[in-house]
Amino acid sequence: MSSPAPGLREIFDRQLQILSLTRRPSTVNGYRATAHSFLAYLCAAAPEVGQLADLRRDPHLLGWFASLCEQQPSLANKTRWTHLLLLRRLLDDLAAQGHSVPPNLILRDDFPPLPVYLAPGSFLSR
């Protein structure tokens, strides 16, 4: 008899262990915070999701994006951008390892705009 498929938390934990072999601890901490945020959201909003194949862009990912926007104190666009980037990287890595991850869960248009800073003297005076 085969063992049950590992749950989402175990899959993400295993991927974080793999990343820790080649990334700085601070980088892995960022991935860990992102995974924890996403999994906590799923646990509260969609407890029926037990496998990567169960994930859907709408409502799961779009709901998590909205929850990031609603956090208090509010998260900066750069922080939300980083969360999306790190989760997309985790999901891409899991898909590359043969896990059933639906495609196009996080799209380029999902990323919030980053601030644009002008360099000193880059403005035109009249």
N, C-alpha and C. Protein backbone atom coordinates (compact mmCIF):
# COMPACT_ATOMS: atom_id res chain seq x y z
N MET A 1 0.84 -1.18 0.00
CA MET A 1 0.00 0.00 0.00
C MET A 1 0.89 1.24 0.00
N SER A 2 0.59 2.20 -0.85
CA SER A 2 1.44 3.39 -0.93
C SER A 2 1.07 4.38 0.16
N SER A 3 2.05 5.20 0.52
CA SER A 3 1.81 6.21 1.55
C SER A 3 1.07 7.38 0.92
N PRO A 4 0.29 8.12 1.73
CA PRO A 4 -0.44 9.27 1.16
C PRO A 4 0.52 10.33 0.66
N ALA A 5 0.06 11.10 -0.31
CA ALA A 5 0.88 12.19 -0.85
C ALA A 5 1.14 13.21 0.25
N PRO A 6 2.35 13.78 0.28
CA PRO A 6 2.65 14.77 1.31
C PRO A 6 1.78 16.02 1.16
N GLY A 7 1.45 16.63 2.27
CA GLY A 7 0.64 17.84 2.26
C GLY A 7 1.45 19.03 1.80
N LEU A 8 0.75 20.12 1.62
CA LEU A 8 1.40 21.34 1.13
C LEU A 8 2.51 21.81 2.05
N ARG A 9 2.28 21.79 3.35
CA ARG A 9 3.30 22.26 4.29
C ARG A 9 4.58 21.44 4.15
N GLU A 10 4.44 20.12 4.05
CA GLU A 10 5.62 19.26 3.91
C GLU A 10 6.34 19.50 2.59
N ILE A 11 5.57 19.72 1.53
CA ILE A 11 6.17 19.99 0.21
C ILE A 11 6.97 21.29 0.25
N PHE A 12 6.38 22.33 0.83
CA PHE A 12 7.09 23.62 0.92
C PHE A 12 8.29 23.51 1.86
N ASP A 13 8.15 22.81 2.98
CA ASP A 13 9.28 22.64 3.90
C ASP A 13 10.44 21.93 3.21
N ARG A 14 10.15 20.92 2.43
CA ARG A 14 11.19 20.19 1.71
C ARG A 14 11.89 21.10 0.70
N GLN A 15 11.10 21.93 0.01
CA GLN A 15 11.69 22.85 -0.97
C GLN A 15 12.55 23.90 -0.28
N LEU A 16 12.13 24.37 0.89
CA LEU A 16 12.94 25.33 1.65
C LEU A 16 14.25 24.69 2.11
N GLN A 17 14.22 23.42 2.46
CA GLN A 17 15.46 22.73 2.84
C GLN A 17 16.40 22.65 1.65
N ILE A 18 15.87 22.38 0.48
CA ILE A 18 16.69 22.33 -0.73
C ILE A 18 17.31 23.70 -1.00
N LEU A 19 16.50 24.76 -0.90
CA LEU A 19 17.01 26.11 -1.14
C LEU A 19 18.10 26.48 -0.13
N SER A 20 17.98 25.98 1.10
CA SER A 20 18.95 26.34 2.13
C SER A 20 20.35 25.80 1.83
N LEU A 21 20.45 24.86 0.90
CA LEU A 21 21.76 24.31 0.53
C LEU A 21 22.57 25.28 -0.34
N THR A 22 21.87 26.16 -1.05
CA THR A 22 22.57 27.04 -1.99
C THR A 22 22.29 28.52 -1.79
N ARG A 23 21.46 28.87 -0.82
CA ARG A 23 21.12 30.27 -0.59
C ARG A 23 21.58 30.72 0.78
N ARG A 24 21.74 32.01 0.93
CA ARG A 24 22.10 32.58 2.22
C ARG A 24 20.93 32.39 3.20
N PRO A 25 21.23 32.30 4.49
CA PRO A 25 20.15 32.15 5.47
C PRO A 25 19.11 33.26 5.38
N SER A 26 19.53 34.49 5.14
CA SER A 26 18.56 35.59 5.05
C SER A 26 17.63 35.42 3.85
N THR A 27 18.16 34.88 2.76
CA THR A 27 17.33 34.63 1.58
C THR A 27 16.31 33.54 1.87
N VAL A 28 16.77 32.47 2.51
CA VAL A 28 15.86 31.37 2.86
C VAL A 28 14.80 31.86 3.83
N ASN A 29 15.16 32.77 4.73
CA ASN A 29 14.17 33.33 5.66
C ASN A 29 13.08 34.08 4.90
N GLY A 30 13.44 34.76 3.83
CA GLY A 30 12.44 35.44 3.00
C GLY A 30 11.50 34.45 2.35
N TYR A 31 12.06 33.38 1.79
CA TYR A 31 11.22 32.33 1.20
C TYR A 31 10.33 31.71 2.27
N ARG A 32 10.87 31.46 3.45
CA ARG A 32 10.11 30.86 4.54
C ARG A 32 8.95 31.76 4.96
N ALA A 33 9.20 33.06 5.08
CA ALA A 33 8.14 34.01 5.46
C ALA A 33 7.04 34.03 4.40
N THR A 34 7.42 34.00 3.14
CA THR A 34 6.44 34.00 2.06
C THR A 34 5.62 32.71 2.08
N ALA A 35 6.29 31.57 2.20
CA ALA A 35 5.58 30.29 2.25
C ALA A 35 4.63 30.25 3.44
N HIS A 36 5.09 30.73 4.60
CA HIS A 36 4.25 30.74 5.79
C HIS A 36 3.02 31.62 5.56
N SER A 37 3.20 32.79 4.99
CA SER A 37 2.09 33.70 4.72
C SER A 37 1.07 33.05 3.80
N PHE A 38 1.55 32.45 2.73
CA PHE A 38 0.65 31.82 1.76
C PHE A 38 -0.08 30.63 2.37
N LEU A 39 0.65 29.77 3.08
CA LEU A 39 0.02 28.59 3.67
C LEU A 39 -0.96 28.97 4.78
N ALA A 40 -0.64 29.99 5.56
CA ALA A 40 -1.57 30.45 6.60
C ALA A 40 -2.85 30.97 5.96
N TYR A 41 -2.71 31.71 4.87
CA TYR A 41 -3.89 32.20 4.16
C TYR A 41 -4.72 31.02 3.66
N LEU A 42 -4.08 30.04 3.02
CA LEU A 42 -4.81 28.89 2.50
C LEU A 42 -5.52 28.12 3.60
N CYS A 43 -4.83 27.94 4.72
CA CYS A 43 -5.40 27.21 5.85
C CYS A 43 -6.68 27.88 6.33
N ALA A 44 -6.69 29.21 6.38
CA ALA A 44 -7.84 29.96 6.87
C ALA A 44 -8.93 30.10 5.81
N ALA A 45 -8.55 30.38 4.57
CA ALA A 45 -9.52 30.72 3.53
C ALA A 45 -9.96 29.53 2.68
N ALA A 46 -9.09 28.53 2.56
CA ALA A 46 -9.39 27.39 1.68
C ALA A 46 -8.81 26.11 2.27
N PRO A 47 -9.33 25.67 3.42
CA PRO A 47 -8.76 24.49 4.07
C PRO A 47 -8.91 23.21 3.24
N GLU A 48 -9.78 23.23 2.23
CA GLU A 48 -9.95 22.05 1.39
C GLU A 48 -8.77 21.82 0.45
N VAL A 49 -7.93 22.81 0.26
CA VAL A 49 -6.76 22.67 -0.63
C VAL A 49 -5.70 21.86 0.11
N GLY A 50 -5.44 20.67 -0.40
CA GLY A 50 -4.48 19.79 0.26
C GLY A 50 -3.27 19.46 -0.60
N GLN A 51 -3.37 19.75 -1.88
CA GLN A 51 -2.29 19.41 -2.81
C GLN A 51 -2.05 20.58 -3.75
N LEU A 52 -0.86 20.63 -4.32
CA LEU A 52 -0.53 21.69 -5.27
C LEU A 52 -1.49 21.70 -6.46
N ALA A 53 -1.91 20.52 -6.90
CA ALA A 53 -2.81 20.43 -8.05
C ALA A 53 -4.16 21.06 -7.76
N ASP A 54 -4.51 21.22 -6.48
CA ASP A 54 -5.79 21.82 -6.10
C ASP A 54 -5.77 23.34 -6.20
N LEU A 55 -4.59 23.94 -6.31
CA LEU A 55 -4.49 25.40 -6.34
C LEU A 55 -5.11 25.96 -7.60
N ARG A 56 -5.81 27.08 -7.44
CA ARG A 56 -6.38 27.80 -8.56
C ARG A 56 -5.99 29.26 -8.42
N ARG A 57 -5.79 29.89 -9.56
CA ARG A 57 -5.46 31.33 -9.55
C ARG A 57 -6.58 32.09 -8.84
N ASP A 58 -7.82 31.81 -9.25
CA ASP A 58 -8.98 32.42 -8.61
C ASP A 58 -9.80 31.28 -8.03
N PRO A 59 -9.87 31.19 -6.74
CA PRO A 59 -9.79 32.21 -5.71
C PRO A 59 -8.50 32.20 -4.89
N HIS A 60 -7.67 31.16 -5.00
CA HIS A 60 -6.58 30.99 -4.04
C HIS A 60 -5.50 32.06 -4.13
N LEU A 61 -4.90 32.22 -5.30
CA LEU A 61 -3.81 33.19 -5.43
C LEU A 61 -4.33 34.62 -5.39
N LEU A 62 -5.41 34.89 -6.09
CA LEU A 62 -5.96 36.24 -6.08
C LEU A 62 -6.41 36.63 -4.67
N GLY A 63 -6.95 35.68 -3.93
CA GLY A 63 -7.34 35.94 -2.54
C GLY A 63 -6.14 36.26 -1.67
N TRP A 64 -5.03 35.53 -1.88
CA TRP A 64 -3.82 35.81 -1.10
C TRP A 64 -3.26 37.19 -1.46
N PHE A 65 -3.29 37.53 -2.76
CA PHE A 65 -2.82 38.86 -3.15
C PHE A 65 -3.62 39.93 -2.42
N ALA A 66 -4.94 39.76 -2.39
CA ALA A 66 -5.80 40.74 -1.72
C ALA A 66 -5.49 40.78 -0.23
N SER A 67 -5.23 39.63 0.37
CA SER A 67 -4.92 39.61 1.81
C SER A 67 -3.62 40.35 2.10
N LEU A 68 -2.66 40.29 1.19
CA LEU A 68 -1.42 41.05 1.36
C LEU A 68 -1.71 42.55 1.35
N CYS A 69 -2.65 42.96 0.49
CA CYS A 69 -3.00 44.39 0.41
C CYS A 69 -3.76 44.87 1.64
N GLU A 70 -4.45 43.95 2.31
CA GLU A 70 -5.30 44.32 3.45
C GLU A 70 -4.58 44.25 4.79
N GLN A 71 -3.34 43.78 4.81
CA GLN A 71 -2.64 43.65 6.09
C GLN A 71 -2.48 45.00 6.76
N GLN A 72 -2.52 44.97 8.08
CA GLN A 72 -2.30 46.17 8.89
C GLN A 72 -1.18 45.90 9.87
N PRO A 73 -0.16 46.70 9.94
CA PRO A 73 0.05 47.85 9.07
C PRO A 73 0.26 47.40 7.63
N SER A 74 -0.05 48.27 6.71
CA SER A 74 0.00 47.91 5.30
C SER A 74 1.42 47.61 4.85
N LEU A 75 1.50 46.69 3.91
CA LEU A 75 2.80 46.31 3.34
C LEU A 75 3.14 47.25 2.19
N ALA A 76 4.39 47.59 2.06
CA ALA A 76 4.85 48.40 0.93
C ALA A 76 4.72 47.58 -0.35
N ASN A 77 4.56 48.27 -1.47
CA ASN A 77 4.51 47.58 -2.76
C ASN A 77 5.72 46.69 -2.97
N LYS A 78 6.89 47.15 -2.56
CA LYS A 78 8.12 46.36 -2.72
C LYS A 78 8.03 45.05 -1.94
N THR A 79 7.46 45.10 -0.74
CA THR A 79 7.31 43.89 0.07
C THR A 79 6.34 42.92 -0.59
N ARG A 80 5.21 43.43 -1.06
CA ARG A 80 4.24 42.57 -1.74
C ARG A 80 4.84 42.01 -3.02
N TRP A 81 5.59 42.82 -3.75
CA TRP A 81 6.27 42.39 -4.98
C TRP A 81 7.21 41.24 -4.67
N THR A 82 7.96 41.37 -3.58
CA THR A 82 8.91 40.33 -3.20
C THR A 82 8.19 39.04 -2.84
N HIS A 83 7.08 39.14 -2.10
CA HIS A 83 6.31 37.94 -1.76
C HIS A 83 5.84 37.21 -3.02
N LEU A 84 5.32 37.95 -3.98
CA LEU A 84 4.85 37.32 -5.21
C LEU A 84 6.00 36.67 -5.97
N LEU A 85 7.11 37.36 -6.05
CA LEU A 85 8.27 36.81 -6.75
C LEU A 85 8.76 35.52 -6.08
N LEU A 86 8.87 35.52 -4.76
CA LEU A 86 9.38 34.35 -4.06
C LEU A 86 8.40 33.17 -4.17
N LEU A 87 7.11 33.43 -4.05
CA LEU A 87 6.15 32.33 -4.18
C LEU A 87 6.16 31.79 -5.60
N ARG A 88 6.24 32.67 -6.59
CA ARG A 88 6.30 32.19 -7.98
C ARG A 88 7.53 31.32 -8.19
N ARG A 89 8.66 31.73 -7.62
CA ARG A 89 9.88 30.93 -7.74
C ARG A 89 9.71 29.56 -7.07
N LEU A 90 9.12 29.54 -5.89
CA LEU A 90 8.88 28.26 -5.21
C LEU A 90 7.98 27.35 -6.05
N LEU A 91 6.90 27.91 -6.58
CA LEU A 91 5.98 27.11 -7.40
C LEU A 91 6.65 26.63 -8.69
N ASP A 92 7.45 27.49 -9.32
CA ASP A 92 8.18 27.09 -10.53
C ASP A 92 9.16 25.96 -10.24
N ASP A 93 9.87 26.07 -9.12
CA ASP A 93 10.82 25.01 -8.74
C ASP A 93 10.10 23.70 -8.47
N LEU A 94 8.96 23.77 -7.80
CA LEU A 94 8.19 22.55 -7.51
C LEU A 94 7.67 21.93 -8.80
N ALA A 95 7.21 22.75 -9.74
CA ALA A 95 6.76 22.24 -11.02
C ALA A 95 7.91 21.57 -11.78
N ALA A 96 9.10 22.18 -11.72
CA ALA A 96 10.27 21.61 -12.40
C ALA A 96 10.68 20.27 -11.80
N GLN A 97 10.33 20.06 -10.53
CA GLN A 97 10.64 18.79 -9.88
C GLN A 97 9.58 17.73 -10.12
N GLY A 98 8.56 18.06 -10.90
CA GLY A 98 7.54 17.08 -11.26
C GLY A 98 6.24 17.17 -10.46
N HIS A 99 6.13 18.15 -9.58
CA HIS A 99 4.87 18.32 -8.85
C HIS A 99 3.82 18.89 -9.80
N SER A 100 2.58 18.54 -9.55
CA SER A 100 1.48 19.01 -10.38
C SER A 100 1.05 20.41 -9.95
N VAL A 101 1.72 21.40 -10.49
CA VAL A 101 1.40 22.80 -10.19
C VAL A 101 0.69 23.38 -11.40
N PRO A 102 -0.54 23.87 -11.22
CA PRO A 102 -1.22 24.48 -12.37
C PRO A 102 -0.40 25.65 -12.92
N PRO A 103 -0.41 25.84 -14.23
CA PRO A 103 0.37 26.94 -14.82
C PRO A 103 -0.29 28.29 -14.59
N ASN A 104 0.52 29.33 -14.73
CA ASN A 104 0.04 30.72 -14.73
C ASN A 104 -0.73 31.11 -13.48
N LEU A 105 -0.26 30.68 -12.31
CA LEU A 105 -0.91 31.08 -11.07
C LEU A 105 -0.57 32.52 -10.71
N ILE A 106 0.66 32.94 -11.03
CA ILE A 106 1.10 34.31 -10.75
C ILE A 106 1.59 34.89 -12.07
N LEU A 107 0.93 35.94 -12.51
CA LEU A 107 1.26 36.57 -13.79
C LEU A 107 2.02 37.86 -13.58
N ARG A 108 2.67 38.33 -14.62
CA ARG A 108 3.43 39.57 -14.56
C ARG A 108 2.56 40.74 -14.11
N ASP A 109 1.33 40.78 -14.57
CA ASP A 109 0.42 41.89 -14.22
C ASP A 109 0.00 41.88 -12.76
N ASP A 110 0.27 40.79 -12.05
CA ASP A 110 -0.10 40.71 -10.63
C ASP A 110 0.83 41.52 -9.74
N PHE A 111 2.02 41.81 -10.23
CA PHE A 111 3.02 42.49 -9.41
C PHE A 111 2.67 43.97 -9.27
N PRO A 112 2.69 44.46 -8.02
CA PRO A 112 2.41 45.89 -7.84
C PRO A 112 3.53 46.74 -8.41
N PRO A 113 3.22 47.97 -8.76
CA PRO A 113 4.28 48.84 -9.30
C PRO A 113 5.31 49.16 -8.22
N LEU A 114 6.55 49.18 -8.63
CA LEU A 114 7.61 49.57 -7.71
C LEU A 114 7.79 51.08 -7.75
N PRO A 115 8.24 51.65 -6.65
CA PRO A 115 8.45 53.11 -6.66
C PRO A 115 9.56 53.48 -7.64
N VAL A 116 9.40 54.64 -8.23
CA VAL A 116 10.41 55.17 -9.15
C VAL A 116 11.04 56.37 -8.47
N TYR A 117 12.33 56.30 -8.27
CA TYR A 117 13.05 57.39 -7.61
C TYR A 117 13.84 58.16 -8.65
N LEU A 118 13.76 59.47 -8.59
CA LEU A 118 14.52 60.30 -9.51
C LEU A 118 15.91 60.54 -8.91
N ALA A 119 16.90 60.46 -9.75
CA ALA A 119 18.26 60.75 -9.30
C ALA A 119 18.40 62.26 -9.11
N PRO A 120 19.22 62.66 -8.18
CA PRO A 120 19.43 64.11 -7.99
C PRO A 120 19.87 64.75 -9.31
N GLY A 121 19.25 65.86 -9.62
CA GLY A 121 19.61 66.57 -10.84
C GLY A 121 18.96 66.00 -12.09
N SER A 122 18.08 64.99 -11.97
CA SER A 122 17.51 64.38 -13.15
C SER A 122 16.25 65.10 -13.63
N PHE A 123 15.80 66.09 -12.90
CA PHE A 123 14.63 66.84 -13.32
C PHE A 123 15.09 68.09 -14.10
N LEU A 124 14.21 68.55 -14.92
CA LEU A 124 14.52 69.72 -15.74
C LEU A 124 13.96 70.97 -15.04
N SER A 125 14.74 71.99 -14.95
CA SER A 125 14.23 73.24 -14.39
C SER A 125 13.88 74.18 -15.53
N ARG A 126 12.90 74.99 -15.31
CA ARG A 126 12.45 75.90 -16.37
C ARG A 126 12.93 77.28 -16.12
